[in-house]
């Protein structure tokens, strides 16, 4: 049960990080007529921008980890007992991620796209490594008797 309380507190931490990033991030959208404001913000308040970016990334990583962990556990255990509780916590983390998307749509979309690309690259690397391992084990296996002597059959 302490693991679930920890995950609720991690969700609260992600919520606080998202709110902190929202308060520090500039409220004006990035348009061509507002480039001067953004350049002034970058020049005169770089610490606020860096802190907002760090809080946003931390909150997004925590939420992504919660969603991934609880979705995997809910799928693995099924939707009965603890699996149902994992599904509820996954929905909770997804709701927090949705609120973060509503408050800051562009950074969330960029970060989510980058995270999906990283997951795709990791999946492709794992598949290539698995294929290479299978090929290496096939090439290093000693042939069985029928393969070693194809003309002779055992009776």
N, C-alpha and C. Protein backbone atom coordinates (compact mmCIF):
# COMPACT_ATOMS: atom_id res chain seq x y z
N UNK A 1 0.81 -1.19 0.00
CA UNK A 1 0.00 0.00 0.00
C UNK A 1 0.86 1.27 0.00
N UNK A 2 2.07 1.15 0.59
CA UNK A 2 2.94 2.33 0.60
C UNK A 2 3.40 2.71 -0.80
N UNK A 3 3.45 1.72 -1.70
CA UNK A 3 3.84 2.04 -3.08
C UNK A 3 2.78 2.91 -3.74
N UNK A 4 1.52 2.67 -3.44
CA UNK A 4 0.46 3.47 -4.04
C UNK A 4 0.43 4.88 -3.44
N UNK A 5 0.71 4.99 -2.15
CA UNK A 5 0.79 6.32 -1.53
C UNK A 5 1.96 7.09 -2.12
N UNK A 6 3.08 6.39 -2.35
CA UNK A 6 4.24 7.02 -2.98
C UNK A 6 3.87 7.54 -4.37
N UNK A 7 3.11 6.75 -5.13
CA UNK A 7 2.73 7.18 -6.47
C UNK A 7 1.76 8.36 -6.43
N UNK A 8 0.88 8.40 -5.44
CA UNK A 8 0.01 9.57 -5.29
C UNK A 8 0.83 10.81 -4.96
N UNK A 9 1.83 10.65 -4.11
CA UNK A 9 2.70 11.78 -3.78
C UNK A 9 3.55 12.20 -4.98
N UNK A 10 3.97 11.24 -5.80
CA UNK A 10 4.70 11.59 -7.03
C UNK A 10 3.79 12.36 -7.99
N UNK A 11 2.52 11.98 -8.05
CA UNK A 11 1.56 12.73 -8.85
C UNK A 11 1.40 14.15 -8.34
N UNK A 12 1.38 14.31 -7.01
CA UNK A 12 1.31 15.64 -6.42
C UNK A 12 2.57 16.45 -6.74
N UNK A 13 3.73 15.80 -6.69
CA UNK A 13 4.98 16.47 -7.06
C UNK A 13 4.94 16.92 -8.53
N UNK A 14 4.44 16.06 -9.40
CA UNK A 14 4.33 16.42 -10.82
C UNK A 14 3.37 17.60 -11.00
N UNK A 15 2.29 17.61 -10.22
CA UNK A 15 1.33 18.71 -10.27
C UNK A 15 2.01 20.02 -9.86
N UNK A 16 2.77 19.98 -8.76
CA UNK A 16 3.47 21.18 -8.30
C UNK A 16 4.51 21.64 -9.31
N UNK A 17 5.22 20.71 -9.91
CA UNK A 17 6.21 21.07 -10.93
C UNK A 17 5.54 21.72 -12.13
N UNK A 18 4.41 21.16 -12.54
CA UNK A 18 3.67 21.74 -13.67
C UNK A 18 3.16 23.13 -13.35
N UNK A 19 2.63 23.33 -12.14
CA UNK A 19 2.16 24.66 -11.76
C UNK A 19 3.31 25.65 -11.66
N UNK A 20 4.44 25.22 -11.13
CA UNK A 20 5.60 26.11 -11.06
C UNK A 20 6.10 26.49 -12.44
N UNK A 21 6.13 25.53 -13.34
CA UNK A 21 6.56 25.83 -14.71
C UNK A 21 5.56 26.76 -15.39
N UNK A 22 4.28 26.56 -15.13
CA UNK A 22 3.25 27.40 -15.74
C UNK A 22 3.36 28.84 -15.25
N UNK A 23 3.66 29.01 -13.97
CA UNK A 23 3.77 30.36 -13.42
C UNK A 23 5.03 31.07 -13.90
N UNK A 24 6.12 30.33 -14.09
CA UNK A 24 7.37 30.96 -14.51
C UNK A 24 7.48 31.13 -16.02
N UNK A 25 6.78 30.28 -16.78
CA UNK A 25 6.88 30.33 -18.23
C UNK A 25 6.17 31.58 -18.73
N UNK A 26 6.67 32.22 -19.78
CA UNK A 26 6.02 33.43 -20.28
C UNK A 26 4.61 33.12 -20.79
N UNK A 27 3.69 34.02 -20.48
CA UNK A 27 2.29 33.77 -20.81
C UNK A 27 1.95 34.16 -22.24
N UNK A 28 2.80 34.92 -22.92
CA UNK A 28 2.50 35.32 -24.29
C UNK A 28 2.90 34.21 -25.25
N UNK A 29 2.04 33.91 -26.21
CA UNK A 29 2.40 32.88 -27.19
C UNK A 29 3.49 33.37 -28.13
N UNK A 30 4.17 32.43 -28.75
CA UNK A 30 5.28 32.76 -29.64
C UNK A 30 4.73 33.06 -31.04
N UNK A 31 4.66 34.34 -31.38
CA UNK A 31 4.24 34.79 -32.70
C UNK A 31 5.34 35.68 -33.27
N UNK A 32 5.25 35.94 -34.56
CA UNK A 32 6.26 36.78 -35.19
C UNK A 32 6.25 38.20 -34.64
N UNK A 33 5.08 38.73 -34.29
CA UNK A 33 5.02 40.08 -33.76
C UNK A 33 5.46 40.16 -32.30
N UNK A 34 5.63 39.03 -31.63
CA UNK A 34 6.05 39.00 -30.23
C UNK A 34 7.50 38.53 -30.05
N UNK A 35 8.27 38.46 -31.11
CA UNK A 35 9.64 37.97 -31.00
C UNK A 35 10.50 38.86 -30.12
N UNK A 36 10.25 40.14 -30.15
CA UNK A 36 11.02 41.06 -29.31
C UNK A 36 10.81 40.77 -27.83
N UNK A 37 9.58 40.47 -27.45
CA UNK A 37 9.30 40.13 -26.05
C UNK A 37 10.03 38.86 -25.64
N UNK A 38 10.04 37.88 -26.53
CA UNK A 38 10.71 36.62 -26.21
C UNK A 38 12.22 36.78 -26.13
N UNK A 39 12.79 37.60 -27.02
CA UNK A 39 14.24 37.84 -26.96
C UNK A 39 14.59 38.59 -25.68
N UNK A 40 13.76 39.56 -25.30
CA UNK A 40 14.00 40.27 -24.04
C UNK A 40 13.87 39.31 -22.85
N UNK A 41 12.92 38.40 -22.91
CA UNK A 41 12.76 37.42 -21.83
C UNK A 41 13.98 36.51 -21.75
N UNK A 42 14.49 36.09 -22.91
CA UNK A 42 15.69 35.24 -22.92
C UNK A 42 16.92 35.98 -22.41
N UNK A 43 17.02 37.27 -22.74
CA UNK A 43 18.19 38.04 -22.32
C UNK A 43 18.16 38.44 -20.85
N UNK A 44 16.99 38.83 -20.36
CA UNK A 44 16.93 39.42 -19.03
C UNK A 44 16.40 38.47 -17.95
N UNK A 45 15.78 37.37 -18.34
CA UNK A 45 15.27 36.42 -17.35
C UNK A 45 15.61 34.98 -17.74
N UNK A 46 16.88 34.69 -18.00
CA UNK A 46 17.21 33.32 -18.41
C UNK A 46 17.06 32.30 -17.29
N UNK A 47 17.23 32.75 -16.04
CA UNK A 47 17.11 31.82 -14.91
C UNK A 47 15.67 31.35 -14.77
N UNK A 48 14.72 32.27 -14.93
CA UNK A 48 13.31 31.89 -14.84
C UNK A 48 12.94 30.91 -15.95
N UNK A 49 13.45 31.17 -17.15
CA UNK A 49 13.15 30.27 -18.26
C UNK A 49 13.76 28.90 -18.05
N UNK A 50 15.01 28.85 -17.57
CA UNK A 50 15.66 27.57 -17.31
C UNK A 50 14.95 26.82 -16.18
N UNK A 51 14.56 27.54 -15.13
CA UNK A 51 13.85 26.90 -14.01
C UNK A 51 12.49 26.38 -14.47
N UNK A 52 11.78 27.14 -15.29
CA UNK A 52 10.49 26.69 -15.81
C UNK A 52 10.68 25.44 -16.67
N UNK A 53 11.71 25.43 -17.50
CA UNK A 53 11.97 24.26 -18.34
C UNK A 53 12.32 23.04 -17.50
N UNK A 54 13.14 23.23 -16.46
CA UNK A 54 13.50 22.10 -15.60
C UNK A 54 12.29 21.57 -14.84
N UNK A 55 11.46 22.46 -14.32
CA UNK A 55 10.25 22.01 -13.62
C UNK A 55 9.31 21.27 -14.56
N UNK A 56 9.17 21.79 -15.78
CA UNK A 56 8.29 21.15 -16.75
C UNK A 56 8.80 19.76 -17.12
N UNK A 57 10.10 19.64 -17.38
CA UNK A 57 10.67 18.35 -17.75
C UNK A 57 10.56 17.36 -16.59
N UNK A 58 10.83 17.82 -15.37
CA UNK A 58 10.72 16.94 -14.20
C UNK A 58 9.28 16.44 -14.03
N UNK A 59 8.32 17.35 -14.11
CA UNK A 59 6.92 16.95 -13.99
C UNK A 59 6.50 16.00 -15.09
N UNK A 60 6.96 16.24 -16.31
CA UNK A 60 6.59 15.37 -17.43
C UNK A 60 7.21 13.99 -17.28
N UNK A 61 8.45 13.92 -16.83
CA UNK A 61 9.11 12.62 -16.64
C UNK A 61 8.41 11.83 -15.55
N UNK A 62 8.05 12.49 -14.46
CA UNK A 62 7.35 11.80 -13.37
C UNK A 62 6.00 11.28 -13.85
N UNK A 63 5.25 12.11 -14.57
CA UNK A 63 3.94 11.67 -15.07
C UNK A 63 4.08 10.54 -16.08
N UNK A 64 5.05 10.65 -16.98
CA UNK A 64 5.26 9.58 -17.95
C UNK A 64 5.65 8.27 -17.29
N UNK A 65 6.50 8.35 -16.27
CA UNK A 65 6.89 7.14 -15.55
C UNK A 65 5.72 6.52 -14.81
N UNK A 66 4.88 7.35 -14.20
CA UNK A 66 3.70 6.82 -13.51
C UNK A 66 2.74 6.15 -14.48
N UNK A 67 2.49 6.80 -15.61
CA UNK A 67 1.57 6.22 -16.60
C UNK A 67 2.12 4.90 -17.11
N UNK A 68 3.41 4.88 -17.46
CA UNK A 68 4.01 3.66 -18.00
C UNK A 68 3.99 2.52 -16.99
N UNK A 69 4.38 2.81 -15.76
CA UNK A 69 4.46 1.76 -14.74
C UNK A 69 3.08 1.20 -14.41
N UNK A 70 2.10 2.08 -14.22
CA UNK A 70 0.77 1.59 -13.84
C UNK A 70 0.05 0.93 -15.00
N UNK A 71 0.27 1.42 -16.21
CA UNK A 71 -0.35 0.75 -17.36
C UNK A 71 0.22 -0.65 -17.54
N UNK A 72 1.53 -0.79 -17.39
CA UNK A 72 2.15 -2.11 -17.53
C UNK A 72 1.66 -3.06 -16.44
N UNK A 73 1.56 -2.58 -15.20
CA UNK A 73 1.08 -3.43 -14.11
C UNK A 73 -0.39 -3.79 -14.29
N UNK A 74 -1.20 -2.84 -14.75
CA UNK A 74 -2.62 -3.13 -14.96
C UNK A 74 -2.81 -4.16 -16.06
N UNK A 75 -2.01 -4.07 -17.11
CA UNK A 75 -2.12 -5.04 -18.21
C UNK A 75 -1.60 -6.40 -17.75
N UNK A 76 -0.52 -6.41 -16.99
CA UNK A 76 0.07 -7.67 -16.54
C UNK A 76 -0.82 -8.40 -15.55
N UNK A 77 -1.44 -7.67 -14.61
CA UNK A 77 -2.24 -8.30 -13.57
C UNK A 77 -3.70 -8.49 -13.96
N UNK A 78 -4.14 -7.84 -15.02
CA UNK A 78 -5.55 -7.91 -15.37
C UNK A 78 -6.33 -6.88 -14.56
N UNK A 79 -7.59 -6.75 -14.85
CA UNK A 79 -8.40 -5.72 -14.20
C UNK A 79 -9.20 -6.28 -13.04
N UNK A 80 -8.52 -6.98 -12.17
CA UNK A 80 -9.16 -7.44 -10.94
C UNK A 80 -8.16 -7.30 -9.81
N UNK A 81 -8.62 -6.90 -8.65
CA UNK A 81 -7.74 -6.74 -7.50
C UNK A 81 -6.78 -5.58 -7.66
N UNK A 82 -5.49 -5.86 -7.55
CA UNK A 82 -4.49 -4.81 -7.62
C UNK A 82 -4.36 -4.23 -9.03
N UNK A 83 -4.70 -5.01 -10.04
CA UNK A 83 -4.66 -4.50 -11.40
C UNK A 83 -5.65 -3.37 -11.60
N UNK A 84 -6.80 -3.47 -10.94
CA UNK A 84 -7.81 -2.41 -11.03
C UNK A 84 -7.29 -1.13 -10.35
N UNK A 85 -6.62 -1.28 -9.23
CA UNK A 85 -6.04 -0.13 -8.54
C UNK A 85 -4.95 0.51 -9.40
N UNK A 86 -4.16 -0.31 -10.08
CA UNK A 86 -3.15 0.23 -11.00
C UNK A 86 -3.80 0.97 -12.16
N UNK A 87 -4.92 0.46 -12.65
CA UNK A 87 -5.63 1.14 -13.74
C UNK A 87 -6.15 2.49 -13.27
N UNK A 88 -6.67 2.56 -12.05
CA UNK A 88 -7.16 3.83 -11.51
C UNK A 88 -6.01 4.83 -11.37
N UNK A 89 -4.87 4.37 -10.87
CA UNK A 89 -3.72 5.27 -10.73
C UNK A 89 -3.17 5.69 -12.09
N UNK A 90 -3.28 4.83 -13.09
CA UNK A 90 -2.86 5.20 -14.45
C UNK A 90 -3.78 6.29 -15.01
N UNK A 91 -5.09 6.15 -14.75
CA UNK A 91 -6.04 7.18 -15.19
C UNK A 91 -5.77 8.49 -14.45
N UNK A 92 -5.44 8.41 -13.17
CA UNK A 92 -5.09 9.60 -12.37
C UNK A 92 -3.89 10.33 -12.98
N UNK A 93 -2.84 9.59 -13.30
CA UNK A 93 -1.65 10.21 -13.89
C UNK A 93 -1.97 10.74 -15.29
N UNK A 94 -2.80 10.03 -16.04
CA UNK A 94 -3.21 10.52 -17.35
C UNK A 94 -4.01 11.81 -17.26
N UNK A 95 -4.86 11.91 -16.23
CA UNK A 95 -5.63 13.13 -16.02
C UNK A 95 -4.71 14.31 -15.70
N UNK A 96 -3.70 14.06 -14.86
CA UNK A 96 -2.74 15.12 -14.57
C UNK A 96 -1.96 15.53 -15.82
N UNK A 97 -1.63 14.56 -16.66
CA UNK A 97 -0.93 14.88 -17.91
C UNK A 97 -1.84 15.68 -18.84
N UNK A 98 -3.14 15.36 -18.85
CA UNK A 98 -4.08 16.12 -19.68
C UNK A 98 -4.19 17.56 -19.19
N UNK A 99 -4.24 17.75 -17.87
CA UNK A 99 -4.29 19.11 -17.33
C UNK A 99 -3.02 19.88 -17.72
N UNK A 100 -1.89 19.20 -17.67
CA UNK A 100 -0.64 19.84 -18.07
C UNK A 100 -0.69 20.22 -19.55
N UNK A 101 -1.29 19.36 -20.37
CA UNK A 101 -1.42 19.67 -21.79
C UNK A 101 -2.34 20.86 -22.02
N UNK A 102 -3.42 20.95 -21.25
CA UNK A 102 -4.35 22.07 -21.41
C UNK A 102 -3.68 23.38 -21.01
N UNK A 103 -2.89 23.34 -19.94
CA UNK A 103 -2.23 24.57 -19.48
C UNK A 103 -1.09 24.99 -20.40
N UNK A 104 -0.29 24.04 -20.86
CA UNK A 104 0.87 24.34 -21.70
C UNK A 104 0.88 23.39 -22.90
N UNK A 105 0.08 23.68 -23.93
CA UNK A 105 -0.05 22.72 -25.03
C UNK A 105 1.21 22.54 -25.87
N UNK A 106 1.89 23.62 -26.21
CA UNK A 106 3.05 23.50 -27.09
C UNK A 106 4.22 22.77 -26.43
N UNK A 107 4.64 23.14 -25.21
CA UNK A 107 5.74 22.38 -24.60
C UNK A 107 5.38 20.92 -24.36
N UNK A 108 4.13 20.65 -23.98
CA UNK A 108 3.74 19.27 -23.74
C UNK A 108 3.74 18.47 -25.03
N UNK A 109 3.28 19.07 -26.12
CA UNK A 109 3.29 18.36 -27.40
C UNK A 109 4.72 18.10 -27.87
N UNK A 110 5.59 19.08 -27.71
CA UNK A 110 6.99 18.90 -28.13
C UNK A 110 7.66 17.83 -27.27
N UNK A 111 7.47 17.90 -25.95
CA UNK A 111 8.08 16.92 -25.06
C UNK A 111 7.49 15.53 -25.29
N UNK A 112 6.18 15.46 -25.48
CA UNK A 112 5.55 14.16 -25.74
C UNK A 112 6.03 13.55 -27.05
N UNK A 113 6.16 14.37 -28.09
CA UNK A 113 6.68 13.87 -29.36
C UNK A 113 8.11 13.37 -29.24
N UNK A 114 8.93 14.12 -28.51
CA UNK A 114 10.32 13.68 -28.30
C UNK A 114 10.37 12.39 -27.49
N UNK A 115 9.51 12.27 -26.49
CA UNK A 115 9.47 11.04 -25.68
C UNK A 115 9.02 9.86 -26.52
N UNK A 116 8.02 10.06 -27.38
CA UNK A 116 7.57 8.96 -28.25
C UNK A 116 8.66 8.56 -29.24
N UNK A 117 9.39 9.53 -29.77
CA UNK A 117 10.50 9.20 -30.67
C UNK A 117 11.59 8.42 -29.95
N UNK A 118 11.89 8.81 -28.71
CA UNK A 118 12.89 8.06 -27.93
C UNK A 118 12.43 6.63 -27.67
N UNK A 119 11.15 6.45 -27.35
CA UNK A 119 10.62 5.11 -27.13
C UNK A 119 10.66 4.28 -28.41
N UNK A 120 10.37 4.91 -29.55
CA UNK A 120 10.41 4.20 -30.82
C UNK A 120 11.83 3.77 -31.16
N UNK A 121 12.80 4.66 -30.96
CA UNK A 121 14.20 4.32 -31.22
C UNK A 121 14.65 3.20 -30.30
N UNK A 122 14.27 3.26 -29.03
CA UNK A 122 14.65 2.21 -28.08
C UNK A 122 14.03 0.87 -28.50
N UNK A 123 12.77 0.89 -28.94
CA UNK A 123 12.12 -0.34 -29.37
C UNK A 123 12.81 -0.92 -30.60
N UNK A 124 13.18 -0.07 -31.56
CA UNK A 124 13.85 -0.56 -32.76
C UNK A 124 15.24 -1.10 -32.43
N UNK A 125 15.95 -0.47 -31.52
CA UNK A 125 17.27 -0.98 -31.11
C UNK A 125 17.15 -2.32 -30.42
N UNK A 126 16.16 -2.47 -29.56
CA UNK A 126 15.96 -3.75 -28.88
C UNK A 126 15.62 -4.85 -29.88
N UNK A 127 14.78 -4.53 -30.85
CA UNK A 127 14.41 -5.53 -31.84
C UNK A 127 15.61 -5.92 -32.68
N UNK A 128 16.44 -4.95 -33.07
CA UNK A 128 17.64 -5.26 -33.85
C UNK A 128 18.61 -6.10 -33.04
N UNK A 129 18.77 -5.77 -31.75
CA UNK A 129 19.65 -6.55 -30.89
C UNK A 129 19.12 -7.97 -30.71
N UNK A 130 17.82 -8.10 -30.54
CA UNK A 130 17.22 -9.43 -30.39
C UNK A 130 17.41 -10.25 -31.66
N UNK A 131 17.23 -9.65 -32.81
CA UNK A 131 17.44 -10.35 -34.08
C UNK A 131 18.89 -10.77 -34.23
N UNK A 132 19.81 -9.89 -33.86
CA UNK A 132 21.23 -10.22 -33.95
C UNK A 132 21.60 -11.36 -33.00
N UNK A 133 21.05 -11.35 -31.81
CA UNK A 133 21.32 -12.43 -30.86
C UNK A 133 20.78 -13.75 -31.38
N UNK A 134 19.60 -13.74 -31.96
CA UNK A 134 19.02 -14.97 -32.52
C UNK A 134 19.88 -15.49 -33.65
N UNK A 135 20.34 -14.60 -34.52
CA UNK A 135 21.19 -15.02 -35.63
C UNK A 135 22.52 -15.58 -35.13
N UNK A 136 23.10 -14.96 -34.12
CA UNK A 136 24.36 -15.46 -33.57
C UNK A 136 24.19 -16.82 -32.91
N UNK A 137 23.10 -17.01 -32.20
CA UNK A 137 22.89 -18.32 -31.56
C UNK A 137 22.63 -19.39 -32.60
N UNK A 138 21.98 -19.04 -33.69
CA UNK A 138 21.75 -20.03 -34.76
C UNK A 138 23.07 -20.41 -35.43
N UNK A 139 23.95 -19.43 -35.61
CA UNK A 139 25.21 -19.72 -36.32
C UNK A 139 26.21 -20.46 -35.43
N UNK A 140 26.11 -20.32 -34.12
CA UNK A 140 27.07 -20.99 -33.23
C UNK A 140 26.58 -22.33 -32.72
N UNK A 141 25.34 -22.68 -32.99
CA UNK A 141 24.84 -23.99 -32.54
C UNK A 141 25.48 -25.09 -33.37
N UNK A 142 25.78 -26.20 -32.72
CA UNK A 142 26.32 -27.34 -33.45
C UNK A 142 25.18 -28.04 -34.16
N UNK A 143 25.43 -28.45 -35.39
CA UNK A 143 24.34 -29.09 -36.13
C UNK A 143 24.00 -30.45 -35.52
N UNK A 144 22.75 -30.78 -35.61
CA UNK A 144 22.33 -32.10 -35.11
C UNK A 144 22.75 -33.16 -36.13
N UNK A 145 22.60 -34.40 -35.79
CA UNK A 145 23.08 -35.50 -36.61
C UNK A 145 22.47 -35.50 -38.02
N UNK A 146 21.16 -35.34 -38.20
CA UNK A 146 20.64 -35.32 -39.57
C UNK A 146 21.16 -34.15 -40.40
N UNK A 147 21.43 -33.00 -39.76
CA UNK A 147 21.96 -31.87 -40.51
C UNK A 147 23.43 -32.05 -40.83
N UNK A 148 24.18 -32.72 -39.94
CA UNK A 148 25.61 -32.93 -40.17
C UNK A 148 25.86 -33.95 -41.27
N UNK A 149 25.05 -34.99 -41.31
CA UNK A 149 25.18 -36.03 -42.33
C UNK A 149 23.85 -36.16 -43.06
N UNK A 150 23.63 -35.33 -44.06
CA UNK A 150 22.31 -35.31 -44.69
C UNK A 150 21.99 -36.59 -45.47
N UNK A 151 23.00 -37.33 -45.91
CA UNK A 151 22.72 -38.53 -46.69
C UNK A 151 22.35 -39.72 -45.84
N UNK A 152 22.70 -39.72 -44.59
CA UNK A 152 22.45 -40.87 -43.72
C UNK A 152 21.30 -40.56 -42.77
N UNK A 153 20.44 -41.53 -42.61
CA UNK A 153 19.33 -41.38 -41.68
C UNK A 153 19.46 -42.38 -40.56
N UNK A 154 19.06 -41.95 -39.41
CA UNK A 154 19.06 -42.87 -38.27
C UNK A 154 17.79 -43.67 -38.28
N UNK A 155 17.95 -44.92 -37.96
CA UNK A 155 16.78 -45.80 -37.92
C UNK A 155 16.48 -46.18 -36.51
